[in-house]
Amino acid sequence: MVHVDGSVATDFDCTGFNLLVEEMQIQGFSEEEIRGIMGENMKQFLLNNLP
């Protein structure tokens, strides 16, 4: 469903992100790896490739 402001309703939310981060830490992921997985990679890609 697309709203008047252009936002989109989804079944996905971020309430469990802290659990993902905690498990990645337990599994030995570095802080840099976790930041990349949680969105830093996409942010950098967009900043580098959009006008």
C-alpha atoms as a PDB file:
ATOM      1  CA  MET A   1       0.000   0.000   0.000  1.00  0.00           C
ATOM      2  CA  VAL A   2       1.407   3.403  -1.002  1.00  0.00           C
ATOM      3  CA  HIS A   3       0.402   6.388   1.126  1.00  0.00           C
ATOM      4  CA  VAL A   4      -0.252   9.927  -0.114  1.00  0.00           C
ATOM      5  CA  ASP A   5       3.201  11.023   1.107  1.00  0.00           C
ATOM      6  CA  GLY A   6       4.908   8.253  -0.896  1.00  0.00           C
ATOM      7  CA  SER A   7       5.724   6.027   2.065  1.00  0.00           C
ATOM      8  CA  VAL A   8       4.982   2.321   1.812  1.00  0.00           C
ATOM      9  CA  ALA A   9       3.418   0.121   4.491  1.00  0.00           C
ATOM     10  CA  THR A  10       5.267  -3.171   5.030  1.00  0.00           C
ATOM     11  CA  ASP A  11       5.165  -6.113   7.416  1.00  0.00           C
ATOM     12  CA  PHE A  12       8.801  -5.403   8.319  1.00  0.00           C
ATOM     13  CA  ASP A  13       9.888  -3.305  11.273  1.00  0.00           C
ATOM     14  CA  CYS A  14      13.129  -2.723  13.147  1.00  0.00           C
ATOM     15  CA  THR A  15      12.092  -3.851  16.635  1.00  0.00           C
ATOM     16  CA  GLY A  16      14.396  -6.883  16.520  1.00  0.00           C
ATOM     17  CA  PHE A  17      17.526  -5.163  15.214  1.00  0.00           C
ATOM     18  CA  ASN A  18      19.104  -5.069  18.663  1.00  0.00           C
ATOM     19  CA  LEU A  19      18.800  -8.868  18.841  1.00  0.00           C
ATOM     20  CA  LEU A  20      20.511  -9.201  15.457  1.00  0.00           C
ATOM     21  CA  VAL A  21      23.352  -6.945  16.559  1.00  0.00           C
ATOM     22  CA  GLU A  22      23.778  -8.797  19.850  1.00  0.00           C
ATOM     23  CA  GLU A  23      23.954 -12.149  18.047  1.00  0.00           C
ATOM     24  CA  MET A  24      26.459 -10.827  15.490  1.00  0.00           C
ATOM     25  CA  GLN A  25      28.642  -9.656  18.398  1.00  0.00           C
ATOM     26  CA  ILE A  26      28.389 -13.090  20.012  1.00  0.00           C
ATOM     27  CA  GLN A  27      29.344 -14.688  16.695  1.00  0.00           C
ATOM     28  CA  GLY A  28      32.463 -12.508  16.498  1.00  0.00           C
ATOM     29  CA  PHE A  29      31.523  -9.921  13.873  1.00  0.00           C
ATOM     30  CA  SER A  30      33.562  -6.726  14.142  1.00  0.00           C
ATOM     31  CA  GLU A  31      31.877  -3.377  14.759  1.00  0.00           C
ATOM     32  CA  GLU A  32      32.762  -2.360  11.192  1.00  0.00           C
ATOM     33  CA  GLU A  33      31.172  -5.518   9.774  1.00  0.00           C
ATOM     34  CA  ILE A  34      28.020  -4.982  11.816  1.00  0.00           C
ATOM     35  CA  ARG A  35      27.724  -1.357  10.686  1.00  0.00           C
ATOM     36  CA  GLY A  36      28.047  -2.484   7.065  1.00  0.00           C
ATOM     37  CA  ILE A  37      25.427  -5.193   7.454  1.00  0.00           C
ATOM     38  CA  MET A  38      23.023  -2.842   9.229  1.00  0.00           C
ATOM     39  CA  GLY A  39      23.028  -0.262   6.437  1.00  0.00           C
ATOM     40  CA  GLU A  40      26.323   1.588   6.177  1.00  0.00           C
ATOM     41  CA  ASN A  41      27.211  -0.242   2.943  1.00  0.00           C
ATOM     42  CA  MET A  42      23.973   0.866   1.250  1.00  0.00           C
ATOM     43  CA  LYS A  43      24.371   4.420   2.536  1.00  0.00           C
ATOM     44  CA  GLN A  44      27.890   4.617   1.092  1.00  0.00           C
ATOM     45  CA  PHE A  45      26.758   3.116  -2.226  1.00  0.00           C
ATOM     46  CA  LEU A  46      23.968   5.676  -2.566  1.00  0.00           C
ATOM     47  CA  LEU A  47      26.191   8.590  -1.565  1.00  0.00           C
ATOM     48  CA  ASN A  48      28.821   7.508  -4.090  1.00  0.00           C
ATOM     49  CA  ASN A  49      26.434   6.832  -6.972  1.00  0.00           C
ATOM     50  CA  LEU A  50      23.524   9.273  -6.791  1.00  0.00           C
ATOM     51  CA  PRO A  51      23.821  12.789  -8.166  1.00  0.00           C
END
